[in-house]
Protein backbone atom coordinates (compact mmCIF):
# COMPACT_ATOMS: atom_id res chain seq x y z
CA MET A 1 20.02 13.76 -4.33
CA ARG A 2 19.38 11.73 -1.19
CA LEU A 3 16.18 11.50 0.79
CA GLN A 4 16.03 11.40 4.56
CA THR A 5 13.82 8.58 5.85
CA GLY A 6 13.46 10.00 9.33
CA SER A 7 15.38 7.06 10.77
CA GLY A 8 18.83 8.46 10.09
CA ARG A 9 19.18 6.36 6.93
CA HIS A 10 19.32 7.79 3.42
CA LEU A 11 17.75 6.34 0.30
CA GLY A 12 19.66 6.53 -2.96
CA GLU A 13 18.58 7.90 -6.34
CA GLU A 14 17.15 4.53 -7.38
CA ASN A 15 14.65 4.58 -4.52
CA LYS A 16 12.76 7.84 -4.12
CA VAL A 17 10.07 6.40 -1.81
CA THR A 18 10.84 7.19 1.82
CA ALA A 19 10.30 4.72 4.65
CA PHE A 20 6.90 4.68 6.34
CA ASP A 21 5.76 3.30 9.69
CA TRP A 22 2.86 1.02 8.74
CA HIS A 23 1.98 0.44 12.40
CA SER A 24 1.57 4.04 13.57
CA GLY A 25 1.62 6.26 10.47
CA GLU A 26 -1.57 7.79 9.07
CA VAL A 27 -2.64 5.71 6.05
CA THR A 28 -4.48 7.70 3.35
CA ARG A 29 -5.11 7.27 -0.37
CA ALA A 30 -2.02 9.47 -0.93
CA THR A 31 0.29 7.31 1.21
CA PRO A 32 3.06 5.89 -0.99
CA ILE A 33 3.66 2.13 -0.94
CA THR A 34 7.22 1.60 0.26
CA HIS A 35 9.69 -1.29 0.41
CA SER A 36 8.84 -1.48 4.10
CA TYR A 37 5.12 -2.14 3.38
CA ARG A 38 3.40 -4.42 5.91
CA ASN A 39 -0.16 -5.76 6.16
CA THR A 40 -0.84 -4.27 9.59
CA GLN A 41 -4.19 -4.00 11.36
CA LYS A 42 -4.12 -0.28 10.52
CA VAL A 43 -3.72 -1.10 6.81
CA ARG A 44 -6.54 -3.67 6.97
CA ARG A 45 -8.85 -1.12 8.65
CA PHE A 46 -7.99 1.37 5.90
CA PHE A 47 -8.85 -1.14 3.17
CA VAL A 48 -12.14 -2.11 4.85
CA ALA A 49 -13.08 1.57 5.20
CA GLU A 50 -12.30 2.23 1.52
CA CYS A 51 -13.46 -1.04 -0.07
CA GLY A 52 -16.22 -2.24 2.22
CA SER A 53 -16.64 -5.06 4.70
CA ASP A 54 -16.09 -7.75 2.05
CA PHE A 55 -12.43 -6.67 1.63
CA LYS A 56 -10.01 -9.60 1.91
CA PHE A 57 -6.31 -9.93 1.14
CA ASP A 58 -5.56 -12.79 -1.23
CA ARG A 59 -2.18 -14.03 -2.42
CA GLU A 60 -2.40 -12.35 -5.81
CA PHE A 61 -3.28 -8.97 -4.33
CA MET A 62 -0.61 -9.28 -1.65
CA GLY A 63 1.90 -9.98 -4.45
CA TRP A 64 0.67 -6.91 -6.30
CA MET A 65 1.18 -4.81 -3.15
CA LYS A 66 4.78 -6.02 -2.79
CA SER A 67 5.48 -5.10 -6.43
CA ALA A 68 3.71 -1.71 -6.22
CA VAL A 69 6.51 0.28 -4.56
CA GLY A 70 6.13 3.91 -5.62
CA LYS A 71 2.39 3.68 -6.22
CA THR A 72 -0.06 4.99 -3.64
CA MET A 73 -2.58 3.34 -1.36
CA GLY A 74 -5.22 4.97 -3.58
CA ASP A 75 -3.77 2.99 -6.50
CA ALA A 76 -4.02 -0.12 -4.33
CA ILE A 77 -7.70 0.58 -3.57
CA ASP A 78 -8.39 1.04 -7.28
CA GLU A 79 -6.52 -2.19 -8.08
CA TRP A 80 -8.45 -4.19 -5.48
CA LYS A 81 -11.78 -2.84 -6.74
CA ALA A 82 -10.83 -3.65 -10.35
CA ARG A 83 -9.85 -7.21 -9.37
CA LYS A 84 -13.13 -7.63 -7.50
CA ALA A 85 -15.11 -6.39 -10.53
CA ARG A 86 -13.31 -8.88 -12.81
CA LYS A 87 -14.23 -11.75 -10.46
CA ARG A 88 -17.97 -10.97 -10.57
CA PRO A 89 -20.01 -13.42 -12.63
CA ALA A 90 -21.36 -12.02 -15.90
């Protein structure tokens, strides 16, 4: 089985996540994180809307995003919130 990416390219069996345009595509909690993931202004606005105005990308979270291919942006929101909760003083 091959998936059409919309760009004329096909993805093989090992990669079932289709390409996504991170600059102009609609980002929702259901949006899958792809190999083409980019920290665009649209993505940052999405995170701020979902996580609040104190949202910031840090190196560890950016690394998690790069390794999260196949998960969703909702998973990313949950991960960021969990990391933030672990950083809070007891």
